[in-house]
C-alpha atoms as a PDB file:
ATOM      1  CA  MET A   1     138.275 166.697 142.537  1.00  0.00           C
ATOM      2  CA  LYS A   2     140.570 165.566 139.736  1.00  0.00           C
ATOM      3  CA  LYS A   3     141.898 168.355 137.553  1.00  0.00           C
ATOM      4  CA  ASN A   4     141.309 167.852 133.825  1.00  0.00           C
ATOM      5  CA  GLY A   5     144.476 167.434 131.798  1.00  0.00           C
ATOM      6  CA  ILE A   6     145.637 167.556 128.209  1.00  0.00           C
ATOM      7  CA  ARG A   7     144.443 163.988 127.554  1.00  0.00           C
ATOM      8  CA  ASP A   8     140.914 164.920 128.659  1.00  0.00           C
ATOM      9  CA  VAL A   9     140.868 167.864 126.260  1.00  0.00           C
ATOM     10  CA  ALA A  10     142.222 165.758 123.390  1.00  0.00           C
ATOM     11  CA  LYS A  11     139.685 162.981 123.996  1.00  0.00           C
ATOM     12  CA  MET A  12     136.663 165.304 124.193  1.00  0.00           C
ATOM     13  CA  ALA A  13     137.789 167.304 121.141  1.00  0.00           C
ATOM     14  CA  GLY A  14     138.566 164.139 119.169  1.00  0.00           C
ATOM     15  CA  VAL A  15     142.120 165.191 118.361  1.00  0.00           C
ATOM     16  CA  SER A  16     145.595 164.057 119.340  1.00  0.00           C
ATOM     17  CA  ILE A  17     147.412 165.239 122.440  1.00  0.00           C
ATOM     18  CA  THR A  18     149.977 166.766 120.114  1.00  0.00           C
ATOM     19  CA  THR A  19     147.286 168.839 118.377  1.00  0.00           C
ATOM     20  CA  VAL A  20     146.236 170.272 121.755  1.00  0.00           C
ATOM     21  CA  SER A  21     149.884 171.058 122.431  1.00  0.00           C
ATOM     22  CA  PHE A  22     150.212 172.815 119.072  1.00  0.00           C
ATOM     23  CA  VAL A  23     147.137 174.953 119.772  1.00  0.00           C
ATOM     24  CA  TYR A  24     149.052 176.535 122.667  1.00  0.00           C
ATOM     25  CA  ASN A  25     152.613 176.323 121.371  1.00  0.00           C
ATOM     26  CA  ASN A  26     152.531 176.245 117.551  1.00  0.00           C
ATOM     27  CA  PRO A  27     149.053 177.565 116.587  1.00  0.00           C
ATOM     28  CA  ASP A  28     150.137 178.168 112.977  1.00  0.00           C
ATOM     29  CA  ARG A  29     150.317 174.377 112.537  1.00  0.00           C
ATOM     30  CA  VAL A  30     146.643 173.896 113.443  1.00  0.00           C
ATOM     31  CA  LYS A  31     143.622 174.710 111.282  1.00  0.00           C
ATOM     32  CA  GLU A  32     141.517 177.576 112.600  1.00  0.00           C
ATOM     33  CA  ASP A  33     138.368 175.456 113.145  1.00  0.00           C
ATOM     34  CA  THR A  34     140.394 172.818 115.024  1.00  0.00           C
ATOM     35  CA  ARG A  35     142.093 175.470 117.164  1.00  0.00           C
ATOM     36  CA  LYS A  36     138.712 177.001 118.063  1.00  0.00           C
ATOM     37  CA  LEU A  37     137.277 173.555 118.911  1.00  0.00           C
ATOM     38  CA  VAL A  38     140.189 172.725 121.222  1.00  0.00           C
ATOM     39  CA  LEU A  39     140.022 176.080 122.979  1.00  0.00           C
ATOM     40  CA  ASP A  40     136.250 175.736 123.477  1.00  0.00           C
ATOM     41  CA  VAL A  41     136.676 172.256 124.964  1.00  0.00           C
ATOM     42  CA  ALA A  42     139.531 173.470 127.185  1.00  0.00           C
ATOM     43  CA  LYS A  43     137.325 176.269 128.471  1.00  0.00           C
ATOM     44  CA  LYS A  44     134.475 173.834 129.249  1.00  0.00           C
ATOM     45  CA  LEU A  45     136.866 171.565 131.130  1.00  0.00           C
ATOM     46  CA  ASN A  46     138.513 174.492 132.899  1.00  0.00           C
ATOM     47  CA  TYR A  47     141.834 173.283 131.510  1.00  0.00           C
ATOM     48  CA  THR A  48     144.942 175.444 131.838  1.00  0.00           C
ATOM     49  CA  PRO A  49     148.115 174.207 130.141  1.00  0.00           C
ATOM     50  CA  ASP A  50     151.263 173.676 132.170  1.00  0.00           C
ATOM     51  CA  PHE A  51     153.918 175.280 130.023  1.00  0.00           C
ATOM     52  CA  ASN A  52     156.613 173.629 132.095  1.00  0.00           C
ATOM     53  CA  ALA A  53     155.353 170.154 131.241  1.00  0.00           C
ATOM     54  CA  SER A  54     157.663 168.166 129.006  1.00  0.00           C
ATOM     55  CA  GLY A  55     154.709 167.111 126.859  1.00  0.00           C
ATOM     56  CA  LEU A  56     154.130 170.734 125.834  1.00  0.00           C
ATOM     57  CA  ARG A  57     157.762 171.268 124.959  1.00  0.00           C
ATOM     58  CA  GLY A  58     157.318 168.889 122.032  1.00  0.00           C
ATOM     59  CA  LYS A  59     158.890 165.835 123.680  1.00  0.00           C
ATOM     60  CA  THR A  60     155.821 163.632 123.467  1.00  0.00           C
ATOM     61  CA  ASN A  61     154.783 164.107 119.865  1.00  0.00           C
ATOM     62  CA  LEU A  62     157.497 161.889 118.380  1.00  0.00           C
ATOM     63  CA  ILE A  63     156.635 158.564 116.744  1.00  0.00           C
ATOM     64  CA  THR A  64     159.308 156.017 115.859  1.00  0.00           C
ATOM     65  CA  LEU A  65     158.949 154.212 112.547  1.00  0.00           C
ATOM     66  CA  ILE A  66     161.006 151.035 112.803  1.00  0.00           C
ATOM     67  CA  VAL A  67     161.643 149.348 109.463  1.00  0.00           C
ATOM     68  CA  ASN A  68     162.883 145.913 110.404  1.00  0.00           C
ATOM     69  CA  PHE A  69     164.762 144.887 107.254  1.00  0.00           C
ATOM     70  CA  ASN A  70     168.168 145.149 105.641  1.00  0.00           C
ATOM     71  CA  VAL A  71     168.477 148.507 103.860  1.00  0.00           C
ATOM     72  CA  ASP A  72     170.912 146.942 101.392  1.00  0.00           C
ATOM     73  CA  GLU A  73     168.093 144.803  99.982  1.00  0.00           C
ATOM     74  CA  GLN A  74     166.005 147.128  97.871  1.00  0.00           C
ATOM     75  CA  SER A  75     162.990 145.082  96.721  1.00  0.00           C
ATOM     76  CA  HIS A  76     160.521 145.975  99.454  1.00  0.00           C
ATOM     77  CA  PRO A  77     157.712 147.672  97.498  1.00  0.00           C
ATOM     78  CA  THR A  78     155.089 147.497 100.259  1.00  0.00           C
ATOM     79  CA  ILE A  79     157.397 149.196 102.748  1.00  0.00           C
ATOM     80  CA  SER A  80     158.521 151.798 100.215  1.00  0.00           C
ATOM     81  CA  GLU A  81     154.932 152.736  99.340  1.00  0.00           C
ATOM     82  CA  ALA A  82     153.699 152.643 102.948  1.00  0.00           C
ATOM     83  CA  ILE A  83     156.189 155.109 104.442  1.00  0.00           C
ATOM     84  CA  PRO A  84     154.881 158.269 102.645  1.00  0.00           C
ATOM     85  CA  HIS A  85     151.289 157.371 103.622  1.00  0.00           C
ATOM     86  CA  ILE A  86     152.302 156.812 107.259  1.00  0.00           C
ATOM     87  CA  SER A  87     154.185 160.105 107.330  1.00  0.00           C
ATOM     88  CA  LYS A  88     151.231 161.988 105.812  1.00  0.00           C
ATOM     89  CA  HIS A  89     148.704 160.624 108.309  1.00  0.00           C
ATOM     90  CA  LEU A  90     150.987 161.208 111.312  1.00  0.00           C
ATOM     91  CA  THR A  91     151.769 164.769 110.247  1.00  0.00           C
ATOM     92  CA  ALA A  92     148.058 165.514 109.879  1.00  0.00           C
ATOM     93  CA  LEU A  93     147.625 164.514 113.532  1.00  0.00           C
ATOM     94  CA  GLY A  94     150.535 166.668 114.665  1.00  0.00           C
ATOM     95  CA  TYR A  95     153.166 163.981 115.183  1.00  0.00           C
ATOM     96  CA  TYR A  96     156.801 163.968 114.103  1.00  0.00           C
ATOM     97  CA  LEU A  97     158.404 160.841 112.659  1.00  0.00           C
ATOM     98  CA  ILE A  98     161.757 159.335 113.649  1.00  0.00           C
ATOM     99  CA  PRO A  99     162.791 156.574 111.201  1.00  0.00           C
ATOM    100  CA  PHE A 100     164.816 153.528 112.277  1.00  0.00           C
ATOM    101  CA  PHE A 101     166.147 151.680 109.253  1.00  0.00           C
ATOM    102  CA  GLU A 102     168.852 149.498 110.778  1.00  0.00           C
ATOM    103  CA  PRO A 103     167.658 147.535 113.824  1.00  0.00           C
ATOM    104  CA  GLU A 104     171.088 146.733 115.226  1.00  0.00           C
ATOM    105  CA  GLU A 105     172.655 147.092 118.681  1.00  0.00           C
ATOM    106  CA  LYS A 106     173.269 150.823 118.253  1.00  0.00           C
ATOM    107  CA  GLU A 107     169.630 151.301 117.312  1.00  0.00           C
ATOM    108  CA  THR A 108     168.546 149.387 120.417  1.00  0.00           C
ATOM    109  CA  MET A 109     170.699 151.652 122.585  1.00  0.00           C
ATOM    110  CA  TYR A 110     169.310 154.783 120.920  1.00  0.00           C
ATOM    111  CA  LEU A 111     165.694 153.595 121.208  1.00  0.00           C
ATOM    112  CA  ASN A 112     166.222 152.695 124.863  1.00  0.00           C
ATOM    113  CA  SER A 113     167.635 156.171 125.473  1.00  0.00           C
ATOM    114  CA  ILE A 114     164.742 158.103 123.929  1.00  0.00           C
ATOM    115  CA  ILE A 115     162.230 155.870 125.721  1.00  0.00           C
ATOM    116  CA  SER A 116     163.976 156.473 129.062  1.00  0.00           C
ATOM    117  CA  ASN A 117     163.916 160.223 128.423  1.00  0.00           C
ATOM    118  CA  LYS A 118     160.209 160.042 127.523  1.00  0.00           C
ATOM    119  CA  GLN A 119     160.876 161.499 124.101  1.00  0.00           C
ATOM    120  CA  ILE A 120     158.470 159.270 122.159  1.00  0.00           C
ATOM    121  CA  CYS A 121     154.790 158.574 122.619  1.00  0.00           C
ATOM    122  CA  GLY A 122     154.363 155.654 120.225  1.00  0.00           C
ATOM    123  CA  SER A 123     155.821 153.472 117.515  1.00  0.00           C
ATOM    124  CA  ILE A 124     154.940 151.863 114.189  1.00  0.00           C
ATOM    125  CA  PHE A 125     156.934 148.684 113.630  1.00  0.00           C
ATOM    126  CA  MET A 126     157.181 147.313 110.083  1.00  0.00           C
ATOM    127  CA  ALA A 127     157.913 143.626 110.568  1.00  0.00           C
ATOM    128  CA  SER A 128     160.096 141.981 107.970  1.00  0.00           C
ATOM    129  CA  LYS A 129     162.990 140.056 109.441  1.00  0.00           C
ATOM    130  CA  LYS A 130     162.664 137.714 112.399  1.00  0.00           C
ATOM    131  CA  ASN A 131     164.851 139.773 114.738  1.00  0.00           C
ATOM    132  CA  MET A 132     162.371 141.289 117.193  1.00  0.00           C
ATOM    133  CA  LYS A 133     164.730 142.969 119.679  1.00  0.00           C
ATOM    134  CA  LEU A 134     163.324 146.434 119.130  1.00  0.00           C
ATOM    135  CA  LEU A 135     159.722 145.233 119.242  1.00  0.00           C
ATOM    136  CA  ASP A 136     160.412 143.367 122.476  1.00  0.00           C
ATOM    137  CA  LEU A 137     161.888 146.562 123.922  1.00  0.00           C
ATOM    138  CA  LEU A 138     158.818 148.598 122.953  1.00  0.00           C
ATOM    139  CA  ILE A 139     156.535 146.027 124.575  1.00  0.00           C
ATOM    140  CA  GLU A 140     158.671 145.842 127.709  1.00  0.00           C
ATOM    141  CA  LYS A 141     158.548 149.635 128.097  1.00  0.00           C
ATOM    142  CA  ASN A 142     154.772 149.796 127.435  1.00  0.00           C
ATOM    143  CA  ILE A 143     155.142 152.046 124.398  1.00  0.00           C
ATOM    144  CA  PRO A 144     151.933 152.166 122.303  1.00  0.00           C
ATOM    145  CA  THR A 145     152.876 150.191 119.200  1.00  0.00           C
ATOM    146  CA  VAL A 146     151.209 149.081 115.972  1.00  0.00           C
ATOM    147  CA  VAL A 147     152.865 146.421 113.810  1.00  0.00           C
ATOM    148  CA  ILE A 148     152.406 146.392 110.054  1.00  0.00           C
ATOM    149  CA  GLY A 149     152.812 142.668 109.584  1.00  0.00           C
ATOM    150  CA  ASP A 150     151.359 139.297 110.495  1.00  0.00           C
ATOM    151  CA  LEU A 151     152.955 138.208 113.792  1.00  0.00           C
ATOM    152  CA  GLU A 152     151.034 135.271 115.248  1.00  0.00           C
ATOM    153  CA  ASN A 153     153.255 135.004 118.320  1.00  0.00           C
ATOM    154  CA  TYR A 154     152.806 138.688 119.165  1.00  0.00           C
ATOM    155  CA  SER A 155     149.071 139.166 118.564  1.00  0.00           C
ATOM    156  CA  ASN A 156     148.406 139.035 122.325  1.00  0.00           C
ATOM    157  CA  LYS A 157     151.069 141.689 122.983  1.00  0.00           C
ATOM    158  CA  VAL A 158     150.722 144.330 120.244  1.00  0.00           C
ATOM    159  CA  PHE A 159     148.242 145.340 117.562  1.00  0.00           C
ATOM    160  CA  CYS A 160     149.123 143.914 114.119  1.00  0.00           C
ATOM    161  CA  ILE A 161     147.694 144.806 110.682  1.00  0.00           C
ATOM    162  CA  ASP A 162     148.348 142.842 107.482  1.00  0.00           C
ATOM    163  CA  ILE A 163     146.819 140.392 105.027  1.00  0.00           C
ATOM    164  CA  ASP A 164     146.617 136.755 106.133  1.00  0.00           C
ATOM    165  CA  ASN A 165     149.660 135.818 104.064  1.00  0.00           C
ATOM    166  CA  SER A 166     149.604 132.011 104.222  1.00  0.00           C
ATOM    167  CA  LYS A 167     145.835 131.737 103.821  1.00  0.00           C
ATOM    168  CA  GLU A 168     145.600 134.268 100.964  1.00  0.00           C
ATOM    169  CA  ILE A 169     148.323 132.593  98.891  1.00  0.00           C
ATOM    170  CA  LYS A 170     146.897 129.132  99.552  1.00  0.00           C
ATOM    171  CA  ASN A 171     143.461 130.339  98.392  1.00  0.00           C
ATOM    172  CA  LEU A 172     144.980 131.907  95.267  1.00  0.00           C
ATOM    173  CA  VAL A 173     146.807 128.714  94.266  1.00  0.00           C
ATOM    174  CA  ASN A 174     143.710 126.600  94.996  1.00  0.00           C
ATOM    175  CA  LYS A 175     141.627 128.861  92.764  1.00  0.00           C
ATOM    176  CA  LEU A 176     144.143 128.559  89.924  1.00  0.00           C
ATOM    177  CA  TYR A 177     143.989 124.758  90.115  1.00  0.00           C
ATOM    178  CA  LYS A 178     140.188 124.866  90.031  1.00  0.00           C
ATOM    179  CA  LEU A 179     140.350 127.049  86.924  1.00  0.00           C
ATOM    180  CA  GLY A 180     142.332 124.320  85.180  1.00  0.00           C
ATOM    181  CA  TYR A 181     145.948 125.428  85.539  1.00  0.00           C
ATOM    182  CA  LYS A 182     147.914 122.201  85.962  1.00  0.00           C
ATOM    183  CA  LYS A 183     151.426 123.355  86.811  1.00  0.00           C
ATOM    184  CA  ILE A 184     152.080 126.319  89.096  1.00  0.00           C
ATOM    185  CA  ALA A 185     155.525 127.597  90.065  1.00  0.00           C
ATOM    186  CA  TYR A 186     156.393 130.036  92.834  1.00  0.00           C
ATOM    187  CA  VAL A 187     159.139 132.666  93.069  1.00  0.00           C
ATOM    188  CA  SER A 188     159.987 133.166  96.741  1.00  0.00           C
ATOM    189  CA  GLY A 189     162.037 135.804  98.481  1.00  0.00           C
ATOM    190  CA  ASN A 190     164.599 135.428 101.248  1.00  0.00           C
ATOM    191  CA  ILE A 191     162.836 133.264 103.856  1.00  0.00           C
ATOM    192  CA  ASP A 192     164.687 135.079 106.646  1.00  0.00           C
ATOM    193  CA  TYR A 193     161.822 137.514 106.094  1.00  0.00           C
ATOM    194  CA  ILE A 194     158.587 136.610 107.876  1.00  0.00           C
ATOM    195  CA  VAL A 195     156.333 137.520 104.952  1.00  0.00           C
ATOM    196  CA  CYS A 196     158.370 135.334 102.559  1.00  0.00           C
ATOM    197  CA  GLU A 197     158.130 132.350 104.894  1.00  0.00           C
ATOM    198  CA  GLN A 198     154.374 132.815 105.343  1.00  0.00           C
ATOM    199  CA  ARG A 199     153.577 133.165 101.640  1.00  0.00           C
ATOM    200  CA  LEU A 200     155.782 130.211 100.736  1.00  0.00           C
ATOM    201  CA  LYS A 201     153.908 128.119 103.301  1.00  0.00           C
ATOM    202  CA  GLY A 202     150.608 129.014 101.614  1.00  0.00           C
ATOM    203  CA  TYR A 203     151.979 127.803  98.274  1.00  0.00           C
ATOM    204  CA  TYR A 204     153.315 124.543  99.746  1.00  0.00           C
ATOM    205  CA  ASP A 205     150.031 123.878 101.573  1.00  0.00           C
ATOM    206  CA  SER A 206     148.007 124.195  98.368  1.00  0.00           C
ATOM    207  CA  VAL A 207     150.379 122.084  96.259  1.00  0.00           C
ATOM    208  CA  LYS A 208     150.348 119.324  98.879  1.00  0.00           C
ATOM    209  CA  GLU A 209     146.562 119.472  99.268  1.00  0.00           C
ATOM    210  CA  ASN A 210     145.858 119.313  95.521  1.00  0.00           C
ATOM    211  CA  ASN A 211     148.590 116.738  94.781  1.00  0.00           C
ATOM    212  CA  ILE A 212     148.801 117.526  91.053  1.00  0.00           C
ATOM    213  CA  HIS A 213     152.549 118.153  90.780  1.00  0.00           C
ATOM    214  CA  SER A 214     155.595 118.521  92.993  1.00  0.00           C
ATOM    215  CA  PRO A 215     156.398 122.021  94.347  1.00  0.00           C
ATOM    216  CA  ILE A 216     158.333 124.230  91.919  1.00  0.00           C
ATOM    217  CA  VAL A 217     160.019 126.927  93.983  1.00  0.00           C
ATOM    218  CA  LEU A 218     162.798 129.251  92.884  1.00  0.00           C
ATOM    219  CA  GLY A 219     164.237 132.535  94.005  1.00  0.00           C
ATOM    220  CA  TYR A 220     164.858 132.408  97.776  1.00  0.00           C
ATOM    221  CA  THR A 221     166.540 135.779  97.276  1.00  0.00           C
ATOM    222  CA  GLU A 222     165.928 139.524  96.925  1.00  0.00           C
ATOM    223  CA  ASP A 223     168.546 139.776  94.164  1.00  0.00           C
ATOM    224  CA  ALA A 224     167.028 140.590  90.763  1.00  0.00           C
ATOM    225  CA  GLU A 225     169.796 138.989  88.710  1.00  0.00           C
ATOM    226  CA  LYS A 226     169.639 135.746  90.674  1.00  0.00           C
ATOM    227  CA  ILE A 227     165.867 135.573  90.153  1.00  0.00           C
ATOM    228  CA  LYS A 228     166.289 136.157  86.420  1.00  0.00           C
ATOM    229  CA  GLN A 229     168.886 133.372  86.227  1.00  0.00           C
ATOM    230  CA  ASP A 230     166.504 130.988  87.991  1.00  0.00           C
ATOM    231  CA  ILE A 231     163.697 131.890  85.583  1.00  0.00           C
ATOM    232  CA  LYS A 232     165.989 131.276  82.626  1.00  0.00           C
ATOM    233  CA  LYS A 233     166.760 127.781  83.943  1.00  0.00           C
ATOM    234  CA  LEU A 234     163.079 127.114  84.587  1.00  0.00           C
ATOM    235  CA  ILE A 235     162.091 127.905  80.998  1.00  0.00           C
ATOM    236  CA  SER A 236     165.117 126.339  79.333  1.00  0.00           C
ATOM    237  CA  ASN A 237     162.885 123.457  78.199  1.00  0.00           C
ATOM    238  CA  LYS A 238     160.076 125.403  76.563  1.00  0.00           C
ATOM    239  CA  LYS A 239     157.935 122.262  76.273  1.00  0.00           C
ATOM    240  CA  ASP A 240     157.884 121.853  80.058  1.00  0.00           C
ATOM    241  CA  ILE A 241     157.306 125.346  81.372  1.00  0.00           C
ATOM    242  CA  PRO A 242     154.676 125.965  84.085  1.00  0.00           C
ATOM    243  CA  ASP A 243     151.205 127.291  83.290  1.00  0.00           C
ATOM    244  CA  VAL A 244     151.555 130.050  85.874  1.00  0.00           C
ATOM    245  CA  ILE A 245     154.342 131.631  87.921  1.00  0.00           C
ATOM    246  CA  ILE A 246     153.232 133.277  91.177  1.00  0.00           C
ATOM    247  CA  CYS A 247     155.718 135.770  92.614  1.00  0.00           C
ATOM    248  CA  LYS A 248     156.097 136.656  96.285  1.00  0.00           C
ATOM    249  CA  ASP A 249     155.637 140.349  95.432  1.00  0.00           C
ATOM    250  CA  ASP A 250     154.993 142.588  92.431  1.00  0.00           C
ATOM    251  CA  ILE A 251     158.630 143.591  92.018  1.00  0.00           C
ATOM    252  CA  LYS A 252     159.591 139.967  91.493  1.00  0.00           C
ATOM    253  CA  GLY A 253     156.678 139.681  89.066  1.00  0.00           C
ATOM    254  CA  ILE A 254     158.190 142.525  87.046  1.00  0.00           C
ATOM    255  CA  TYR A 255     161.579 140.751  87.078  1.00  0.00           C
ATOM    256  CA  VAL A 256     159.917 137.576  85.798  1.00  0.00           C
ATOM    257  CA  ILE A 257     158.018 139.324  83.000  1.00  0.00           C
ATOM    258  CA  SER A 258     161.169 141.046  81.752  1.00  0.00           C
ATOM    259  CA  GLU A 259     163.135 137.780  81.733  1.00  0.00           C
ATOM    260  CA  LEU A 260     160.371 135.867  79.945  1.00  0.00           C
ATOM    261  CA  LEU A 261     160.176 138.519  77.222  1.00  0.00           C
ATOM    262  CA  ARG A 262     163.959 138.429  76.879  1.00  0.00           C
ATOM    263  CA  ASN A 263     163.637 134.717  76.099  1.00  0.00           C
ATOM    264  CA  ASN A 264     160.763 135.137  73.623  1.00  0.00           C
ATOM    265  CA  ILE A 265     158.114 133.775  75.978  1.00  0.00           C
ATOM    266  CA  PHE A 266     155.089 136.062  76.183  1.00  0.00           C
ATOM    267  CA  PRO A 267     153.397 136.457  79.591  1.00  0.00           C
ATOM    268  CA  GLY A 268     149.642 136.068  79.318  1.00  0.00           C
ATOM    269  CA  ILE A 269     149.872 133.934  76.198  1.00  0.00           C
ATOM    270  CA  ASP A 270     152.612 131.350  76.750  1.00  0.00           C
ATOM    271  CA  ILE A 271     152.553 131.516  80.543  1.00  0.00           C
ATOM    272  CA  GLY A 272     150.731 133.378  83.299  1.00  0.00           C
ATOM    273  CA  VAL A 273     152.525 135.662  85.763  1.00  0.00           C
ATOM    274  CA  ILE A 274     151.001 136.894  89.035  1.00  0.00           C
ATOM    275  CA  GLY A 275     152.449 139.239  91.659  1.00  0.00           C
ATOM    276  CA  ILE A 276     151.302 140.096  95.170  1.00  0.00           C
ATOM    277  CA  GLY A 277     150.712 143.625  96.411  1.00  0.00           C
ATOM    278  CA  GLY A 278     149.148 145.676  93.637  1.00  0.00           C
ATOM    279  CA  ILE A 279     151.844 148.375  93.660  1.00  0.00           C
ATOM    280  CA  SER A 280     151.544 151.251  91.187  1.00  0.00           C
ATOM    281  CA  ALA A 281     154.749 150.280  89.331  1.00  0.00           C
ATOM    282  CA  SER A 282     153.078 147.087  88.053  1.00  0.00           C
ATOM    283  CA  GLU A 283     150.911 149.209  85.748  1.00  0.00           C
ATOM    284  CA  TYR A 284     153.942 150.500  83.850  1.00  0.00           C
ATOM    285  CA  ILE A 285     155.216 147.202  82.527  1.00  0.00           C
ATOM    286  CA  TYR A 286     153.756 145.511  79.475  1.00  0.00           C
ATOM    287  CA  PRO A 287     152.001 143.209  79.624  1.00  0.00           C
ATOM    288  CA  ASN A 288     150.506 144.666  82.813  1.00  0.00           C
ATOM    289  CA  LEU A 289     151.101 142.449  85.835  1.00  0.00           C
ATOM    290  CA  SER A 290     148.127 140.596  87.338  1.00  0.00           C
ATOM    291  CA  SER A 291     148.278 140.822  91.116  1.00  0.00           C
ATOM    292  CA  LEU A 292     146.721 139.740  94.380  1.00  0.00           C
ATOM    293  CA  SER A 293     146.207 143.301  95.547  1.00  0.00           C
ATOM    294  CA  PHE A 294     145.706 144.927  98.928  1.00  0.00           C
ATOM    295  CA  SER A 295     145.554 148.587  99.896  1.00  0.00           C
ATOM    296  CA  ILE A 296     148.857 149.781 101.313  1.00  0.00           C
ATOM    297  CA  LYS A 297     147.202 153.170 101.820  1.00  0.00           C
ATOM    298  CA  ASN A 298     144.458 151.644 103.993  1.00  0.00           C
ATOM    299  CA  ILE A 299     146.944 149.609 106.035  1.00  0.00           C
ATOM    300  CA  SER A 300     148.942 152.785 106.731  1.00  0.00           C
ATOM    301  CA  LYS A 301     145.824 154.754 107.651  1.00  0.00           C
ATOM    302  CA  LEU A 302     144.593 152.006 109.999  1.00  0.00           C
ATOM    303  CA  ALA A 303     148.008 151.743 111.647  1.00  0.00           C
ATOM    304  CA  VAL A 304     148.135 155.479 112.390  1.00  0.00           C
ATOM    305  CA  LYS A 305     144.494 155.610 113.544  1.00  0.00           C
ATOM    306  CA  ASN A 306     144.918 152.738 116.011  1.00  0.00           C
ATOM    307  CA  LEU A 307     148.179 154.165 117.320  1.00  0.00           C
ATOM    308  CA  ASN A 308     146.613 157.597 117.803  1.00  0.00           C
ATOM    309  CA  ASP A 309     143.659 156.021 119.647  1.00  0.00           C
ATOM    310  CA  MET A 310     146.059 154.254 122.021  1.00  0.00           C
ATOM    311  CA  ILE A 311     147.944 157.471 122.727  1.00  0.00           C
ATOM    312  CA  ILE A 312     144.792 159.541 123.293  1.00  0.00           C
ATOM    313  CA  ASN A 313     143.135 156.911 125.508  1.00  0.00           C
ATOM    314  CA  ASN A 314     146.369 155.988 127.289  1.00  0.00           C
ATOM    315  CA  LYS A 315     145.588 152.325 126.679  1.00  0.00           C
ATOM    316  CA  ILE A 316     147.665 149.587 125.015  1.00  0.00           C
ATOM    317  CA  ILE A 317     145.646 147.285 122.753  1.00  0.00           C
ATOM    318  CA  SER A 318     146.621 144.022 121.083  1.00  0.00           C
ATOM    319  CA  GLY A 319     145.281 141.679 118.419  1.00  0.00           C
ATOM    320  CA  GLN A 320     145.593 140.897 114.711  1.00  0.00           C
ATOM    321  CA  LYS A 321     143.531 142.635 112.019  1.00  0.00           C
ATOM    322  CA  TYR A 322     143.530 141.208 108.508  1.00  0.00           C
ATOM    323  CA  ILE A 323     142.531 143.370 105.565  1.00  0.00           C
ATOM    324  CA  LYS A 324     140.853 142.093 102.411  1.00  0.00           C
ATOM    325  CA  THR A 325     142.614 141.358  99.141  1.00  0.00           C
ATOM    326  CA  LYS A 326     141.346 141.762  95.604  1.00  0.00           C
ATOM    327  CA  PHE A 327     142.614 140.039  92.483  1.00  0.00           C
ATOM    328  CA  LEU A 328     143.592 142.440  89.701  1.00  0.00           C
ATOM    329  CA  PHE A 329     143.188 140.510  86.456  1.00  0.00           C
ATOM    330  CA  LYS A 330     145.491 141.988  83.814  1.00  0.00           C
ATOM    331  CA  GLU A 331     147.305 140.989  80.627  1.00  0.00           C
ATOM    332  CA  SER A 332     149.994 138.826  82.273  1.00  0.00           C
ATOM    333  CA  LEU A 333     147.532 136.024  83.031  1.00  0.00           C
ATOM    334  CA  LYS A 334     146.049 133.696  80.441  1.00  0.00           C
ATOM    335  CA  GLU A 335     142.493 133.970  79.191  1.00  0.00           C
ATOM    336  CA  LYS A 336     140.801 132.397  82.246  1.00  0.00           C
ATOM    337  CA  SER A 337     139.247 134.764  84.761  1.00  0.00           C
ATOM    338  CA  ILE A 338     140.397 134.316  88.334  1.00  0.00           C
ATOM    339  CA  ASN A 339     137.107 135.818  89.484  1.00  0.00           C
ATOM    340  CA  SER A 340     134.900 133.238  87.753  1.00  0.00           C
END
């Protein structure tokens, strides 16, 4: 007869393996009702912990958080806001977080080492740049992994959570045309980043489909000053400025609003400005930035939940889950409602 193990206790109690470990090794980190539940389940299953097992020495409660972007480029609001939520949810489940911020050769060597020594039980991979060496390594080593990002070529290998970037931006631009906006410009980011490439594609697809004007794309950078210079050139002929400027993310939307105001062009009256993300900082600029919003908090919570399920059930899952967006209509858009 098979002896029940720590995974069986965790599954029946509805908690993480790490929480079961803490009940026996660090009980002060577990709520009293949870501790009692785990002990009751362990008794029912006739489970006795093996205090020599590496899992109960804290070696299997580590989660890697791999942020796949250049730390020298600072305008990554979604990533910046997601990390505290991820950390909070993981800590609540009894996991420790190891951050990887520079996915280079040394990081690959370090990740390979801690995988070989069975020091991690899962990973959250935040996909930005197209270099997937670390993700490929996680897949090769069968490490439970959740990707925060839209990776079409990996959806049969890992579980991905994001908005449908190309489709959402295409739908937004289409809706603006239907509302009567005739000329729509787009501020992109560095297209070495997957999300920038996907959102730019959505803009191009809509412009081509509607055939009202030629594409007006500027930016192609994460540098604030370069974006502001491009905006200044765009509005140099005030009689020929676009009706709306859509920005790849809210931070770029804030850059655009500040540059327009500096040149005596008022967002929401002379021109519309829209960001993507719905970050909290967009509420602190005036006029407030309109945004295609999605819940970074929910994405983080879903990522941790799915990763925890994989670890508890000892089963790798794959697929792509898209979350819904909502348009936040604020002062930076002209008097036509996007929701009409």
